[in-house]
Protein backbone atom coordinates (compact mmCIF):
# COMPACT_ATOMS: atom_id res chain seq x y z
CA MET A 1 4.45 86.02 -98.18
CA SER A 2 1.14 87.08 -96.65
CA ASP A 3 0.60 86.73 -92.91
CA GLU A 4 -2.99 85.76 -93.73
CA MET A 5 -2.13 82.41 -95.33
CA ARG A 6 -3.63 79.58 -93.27
CA CYS A 7 -3.61 75.84 -93.74
CA ILE A 8 -6.85 74.65 -95.38
CA SER A 9 -6.68 71.51 -93.23
CA CYS A 10 -5.91 72.69 -89.67
CA GLY A 11 -5.96 76.50 -89.88
CA MET A 12 -2.35 76.98 -88.81
CA PRO A 13 -0.83 80.30 -89.95
CA MET A 14 1.86 79.68 -92.57
CA ARG A 15 4.32 82.56 -92.55
CA GLU A 16 7.65 80.98 -93.52
CA SER A 17 8.65 78.48 -96.19
CA LYS A 18 9.39 75.90 -93.46
CA ASP A 19 5.67 75.94 -92.60
CA PHE A 20 4.81 74.48 -96.03
CA PRO A 21 5.25 70.88 -97.18
CA LEU A 22 8.64 70.47 -98.86
CA GLU A 23 8.92 74.29 -98.47
CA ASP A 24 6.54 74.62 -101.45
CA THR A 25 4.79 77.92 -100.74
CA GLU A 26 2.26 77.19 -103.50
CA LYS A 27 0.64 74.50 -101.31
CA GLU A 28 -2.48 75.48 -99.36
CA TYR A 29 -1.75 73.21 -96.41
CA CYS A 30 0.94 73.09 -93.74
CA VAL A 31 3.85 70.76 -93.13
CA TYR A 32 1.96 69.05 -90.27
CA CYS A 33 -1.01 68.10 -92.45
CA THR A 34 1.04 66.39 -95.13
CA ARG A 35 2.69 63.08 -95.80
CA ALA A 36 6.42 62.80 -96.50
CA ASP A 37 5.80 63.23 -100.25
CA GLY A 38 4.02 66.57 -99.67
CA SER A 39 0.49 65.28 -100.31
CA LEU A 40 -2.37 66.19 -98.01
CA LYS A 41 -3.11 63.65 -95.28
CA SER A 42 -6.56 62.06 -95.09
CA PHE A 43 -9.11 63.42 -92.63
CA GLU A 44 -8.38 60.51 -90.27
CA GLU A 45 -4.64 61.21 -90.37
CA ALA A 46 -5.19 64.93 -89.79
CA LEU A 47 -7.62 64.12 -86.97
CA GLN A 48 -5.07 61.93 -85.19
CA GLY A 49 -2.39 64.62 -85.54
CA MET A 50 -4.68 67.36 -84.22
CA LYS A 51 -5.83 65.14 -81.36
CA GLN A 52 -2.24 64.43 -80.29
CA PHE A 53 -1.40 68.14 -80.56
CA LEU A 54 -4.30 69.04 -78.25
CA ILE A 55 -3.41 66.31 -75.75
CA HIS A 56 0.26 67.30 -75.53
CA THR A 57 -0.07 71.07 -75.87
CA TYR A 58 -3.18 71.68 -73.76
CA ASN A 59 -3.08 68.56 -71.57
CA MET A 60 -6.59 67.57 -72.73
CA ASP A 61 -7.95 64.11 -72.08
CA VAL A 62 -8.32 61.81 -75.09
CA ASP A 63 -12.11 62.08 -75.45
CA ASP A 64 -12.20 65.87 -75.16
CA ALA A 65 -9.26 66.21 -77.54
CA GLY A 66 -11.02 63.99 -80.09
CA LYS A 67 -14.21 66.06 -79.95
CA LYS A 68 -12.33 69.36 -80.15
CA ALA A 69 -10.15 68.11 -83.03
CA ILE A 70 -13.21 67.13 -85.09
CA GLU A 71 -14.88 70.46 -84.33
CA ASP A 72 -11.78 72.46 -85.26
CA LEU A 73 -10.90 70.51 -88.41
CA LYS A 74 -14.43 70.73 -89.82
CA LYS A 75 -14.21 74.53 -89.70
CA ASN A 76 -11.50 74.43 -92.37
CA PRO A 77 -12.04 74.29 -96.15
CA ALA A 78 -10.42 70.89 -96.65
CA TRP A 79 -12.87 69.15 -94.30
CA LYS A 80 -16.06 71.23 -94.34
CA ASP A 81 -17.94 68.49 -96.23
CA VAL A 82 -16.53 65.53 -94.28
C-alpha cells in the first residue's frame, strides 16, 4: 500500500487497512470520515468531526476550530466545491 494515499475528505494519511472504512483499501476516504456502513459522511458530519479533533488535539477554542476545520476540509477533493 502506498504511503501517499490520503483521505479525500480530511487529508489523513492512510497507510494500514485499519485506516480505511471496513478495512476496504479500495475506498478513497478514511475510517474517521465514514458512517458505520462505510459510506462517506456529509460535509456537515465531517466538519463536526474535524472540529472536535482540533479542539481536543490542539486545545483550540470552538470558533477557531470551526474556521480551521472549514479551511482544511475545503482543501480536499471531496469538498473543494462545497
